[in-house]
Amino acid sequence: MTVGMMGQTGQEAVDPYRAPAGLQYAVLAVDSYGLGVLLVEEILAEREGKAKILNGGTVPMGVQPVLVAQYTAYGTASLEPMIQQWPAHVPRPWAVLLADVPGPPPVAARYRIRALSARFAGVVHMRYMPALREAVTAQEAMKDKKTLAEAVRLRRAIGGTK
């Protein structure tokens, strides 16, 4: 562990287990790293830096992990091994499932999530948002009223706020 140890340059080493000030959510992409993952980070951060996408590494202590996957057979199948190997000392993660079409998710995906749901802190199903197909950035997608409605739902579910 690197807590309080000095590096060769005389600077204090960074502790990978300590969360940066204000960080509440660690967003992890499960099946693909796309605009949906960036949007979830933007929604949870609320322009205050409360969320950060982690590309591997460890989830800092005191930070709530959020796994983001497409609500497809592939997305939920990718989620399964990740949650089965989840370390006991890390808080149970939230699962955010992004719909990729306006219809219901595939039967296999629904059954898999139902079977795994006890391993999550909670599961949020985000409805299809056409802005994710048209926008280039998460900020641009947030201008759409359907996306804003989903943002409110996600914040209420995970953070208990509007």
Protein backbone atom coordinates (compact mmCIF):
# COMPACT_ATOMS: atom_id res chain seq x y z
CA MET A 1 0.00 0.00 0.00
CA THR A 2 1.25 3.46 -0.78
CA VAL A 3 -0.45 5.49 1.94
CA GLY A 4 1.97 8.03 3.38
CA MET A 5 4.99 6.60 1.54
CA MET A 6 7.38 8.96 -0.18
CA GLY A 7 8.40 8.37 -3.78
CA GLN A 8 11.93 8.63 -5.11
CA THR A 9 11.28 12.22 -6.18
CA GLY A 10 10.33 13.25 -2.65
CA GLN A 11 6.63 13.64 -3.47
CA GLU A 12 3.98 11.73 -1.57
CA ALA A 13 2.67 8.71 -3.49
CA VAL A 14 -0.97 8.72 -4.54
CA ASP A 15 -3.20 6.26 -2.68
CA PRO A 16 -5.34 4.39 -5.26
CA TYR A 17 -7.81 3.38 -2.54
CA ARG A 18 -8.60 6.92 -1.39
CA ALA A 19 -11.33 8.78 -3.24
CA PRO A 20 -10.70 12.29 -4.55
CA ALA A 21 -12.64 14.91 -2.59
CA GLY A 22 -16.31 15.01 -3.57
CA LEU A 23 -16.29 11.78 -5.59
CA GLN A 24 -19.41 9.70 -4.86
CA TYR A 25 -19.82 7.41 -7.89
CA ALA A 26 -17.38 5.25 -9.85
CA VAL A 27 -18.91 4.55 -13.27
CA LEU A 28 -17.70 1.36 -14.97
CA ALA A 29 -18.51 0.46 -18.58
CA VAL A 30 -19.45 -3.21 -18.86
CA ASP A 31 -20.02 -4.11 -22.50
CA SER A 32 -19.05 -0.98 -24.41
CA TYR A 33 -17.67 2.46 -23.77
CA GLY A 34 -19.97 4.81 -25.59
CA LEU A 35 -22.16 7.85 -25.22
CA GLY A 36 -24.46 6.01 -22.81
CA VAL A 37 -21.63 5.58 -20.30
CA LEU A 38 -20.64 9.23 -20.69
CA LEU A 39 -24.27 10.23 -20.20
CA VAL A 40 -24.58 8.24 -16.95
CA GLU A 41 -21.41 9.91 -15.68
CA GLU A 42 -22.79 13.35 -16.64
CA ILE A 43 -26.11 12.65 -14.93
CA LEU A 44 -24.55 11.42 -11.69
CA ALA A 45 -21.89 14.12 -11.61
CA GLU A 46 -24.49 16.89 -11.76
CA ARG A 47 -21.73 19.27 -12.93
CA GLU A 48 -19.98 18.96 -9.55
CA GLY A 49 -17.50 16.16 -10.21
CA LYS A 50 -19.36 13.63 -8.07
CA ALA A 51 -18.91 10.86 -10.67
CA LYS A 52 -15.94 9.59 -12.64
CA ILE A 53 -15.55 6.84 -15.21
CA LEU A 54 -13.00 4.25 -14.10
CA ASN A 55 -11.06 2.42 -16.79
CA GLY A 56 -9.86 -0.48 -14.70
CA GLY A 57 -8.05 -0.18 -11.42
CA THR A 58 -9.70 -0.15 -8.03
CA VAL A 59 -12.88 1.45 -6.76
CA PRO A 60 -11.80 3.96 -4.10
CA MET A 61 -13.10 3.47 -0.57
CA GLY A 62 -16.34 5.30 0.17
CA VAL A 63 -17.37 5.48 -3.50
CA GLN A 64 -20.51 3.78 -4.87
CA PRO A 65 -19.76 1.67 -7.97
CA VAL A 66 -22.19 1.97 -10.91
CA LEU A 67 -22.02 -0.61 -13.70
CA VAL A 68 -23.42 0.56 -17.05
CA ALA A 69 -24.49 -1.96 -19.69
CA GLN A 70 -26.79 -2.13 -22.68
CA TYR A 71 -30.06 -3.89 -21.85
CA THR A 72 -29.40 -6.58 -24.44
CA ALA A 73 -28.56 -10.27 -24.24
CA TYR A 74 -24.88 -9.44 -24.83
CA GLY A 75 -24.82 -6.56 -22.36
CA THR A 76 -26.32 -8.57 -19.52
CA ALA A 77 -24.15 -11.60 -20.36
CA SER A 78 -21.11 -9.30 -20.05
CA LEU A 79 -22.42 -8.08 -16.70
CA GLU A 80 -22.79 -11.58 -15.25
CA PRO A 81 -19.11 -12.60 -14.84
CA MET A 82 -18.27 -9.15 -13.53
CA ILE A 83 -20.83 -9.34 -10.72
CA GLN A 84 -20.04 -12.98 -9.95
CA GLN A 85 -16.39 -12.04 -9.30
CA TRP A 86 -17.24 -8.87 -7.38
CA PRO A 87 -14.96 -8.51 -4.32
CA ALA A 88 -16.73 -8.83 -0.97
CA HIS A 89 -14.97 -5.76 0.47
CA VAL A 90 -16.29 -3.44 -2.27
CA PRO A 91 -19.88 -2.15 -1.91
CA ARG A 92 -22.45 -3.88 -4.07
CA PRO A 93 -22.72 -1.94 -7.32
CA TRP A 94 -25.74 -0.38 -8.93
CA ALA A 95 -26.58 -1.69 -12.40
CA VAL A 96 -27.74 0.86 -14.98
CA LEU A 97 -29.22 -0.83 -18.02
CA LEU A 98 -29.61 1.27 -21.16
CA ALA A 99 -32.36 0.36 -23.60
CA ASP A 100 -31.12 0.28 -27.18
CA VAL A 101 -34.57 0.20 -28.82
CA PRO A 102 -38.00 1.60 -27.89
CA GLY A 103 -39.40 -1.89 -27.25
CA PRO A 104 -38.97 -4.30 -24.34
CA PRO A 105 -35.60 -5.92 -23.66
CA PRO A 106 -34.92 -9.49 -24.83
CA VAL A 107 -36.30 -12.28 -22.66
CA ALA A 108 -32.81 -13.67 -21.99
CA ALA A 109 -31.64 -10.27 -20.71
CA ARG A 110 -34.66 -9.88 -18.41
CA TYR A 111 -34.18 -13.37 -16.93
CA ARG A 112 -30.46 -12.83 -16.39
CA ILE A 113 -31.04 -9.54 -14.57
CA ARG A 114 -33.79 -11.08 -12.46
CA ALA A 115 -31.42 -13.90 -11.46
CA LEU A 116 -28.57 -11.50 -10.61
CA SER A 117 -30.62 -8.71 -9.01
CA ALA A 118 -29.85 -9.75 -5.40
CA ARG A 119 -26.14 -9.09 -6.04
CA PHE A 120 -26.72 -5.44 -6.91
CA ALA A 121 -27.43 -2.49 -4.64
CA GLY A 122 -30.17 -1.77 -7.16
CA VAL A 123 -31.03 -1.97 -10.84
CA VAL A 124 -32.11 1.03 -12.92
CA HIS A 125 -33.67 0.46 -16.34
CA MET A 126 -33.19 3.55 -18.49
CA ARG A 127 -35.70 3.85 -21.31
CA TYR A 128 -34.71 4.30 -24.93
CA MET A 129 -33.40 7.81 -25.57
CA PRO A 130 -33.31 8.84 -29.24
CA ALA A 131 -30.86 11.63 -28.36
CA LEU A 132 -28.15 9.00 -27.78
CA ARG A 133 -28.26 8.20 -31.49
CA GLU A 134 -28.21 11.83 -32.59
CA ALA A 135 -25.92 13.55 -30.07
CA VAL A 136 -22.15 13.75 -30.19
CA THR A 137 -21.60 14.62 -26.52
CA ALA A 138 -23.37 13.84 -23.26
CA GLN A 139 -24.07 17.56 -22.77
CA GLU A 140 -25.78 17.67 -26.15
CA ALA A 141 -27.89 14.61 -25.27
CA MET A 142 -28.93 16.27 -21.99
CA LYS A 143 -30.75 18.99 -23.96
CA ASP A 144 -33.42 16.47 -25.00
CA LYS A 145 -36.50 16.36 -22.74
CA LYS A 146 -36.71 12.52 -22.76
CA THR A 147 -33.08 12.34 -21.70
CA LEU A 148 -33.72 14.90 -18.95
CA ALA A 149 -36.64 12.80 -17.69
CA GLU A 150 -34.41 9.72 -17.57
CA ALA A 151 -31.74 11.74 -15.77
CA VAL A 152 -34.23 12.64 -13.04
CA ARG A 153 -35.26 8.98 -12.71
CA LEU A 154 -31.63 7.84 -12.45
CA ARG A 155 -30.69 10.46 -9.84
CA ARG A 156 -33.76 9.61 -7.75
CA ALA A 157 -33.05 5.89 -7.91
CA ILE A 158 -29.34 5.98 -7.12
CA GLY A 159 -28.83 9.18 -5.19
CA GLY A 160 -32.26 9.89 -3.80
CA THR A 161 -32.11 13.41 -5.30
CA LYS A 162 -33.74 15.20 -8.21
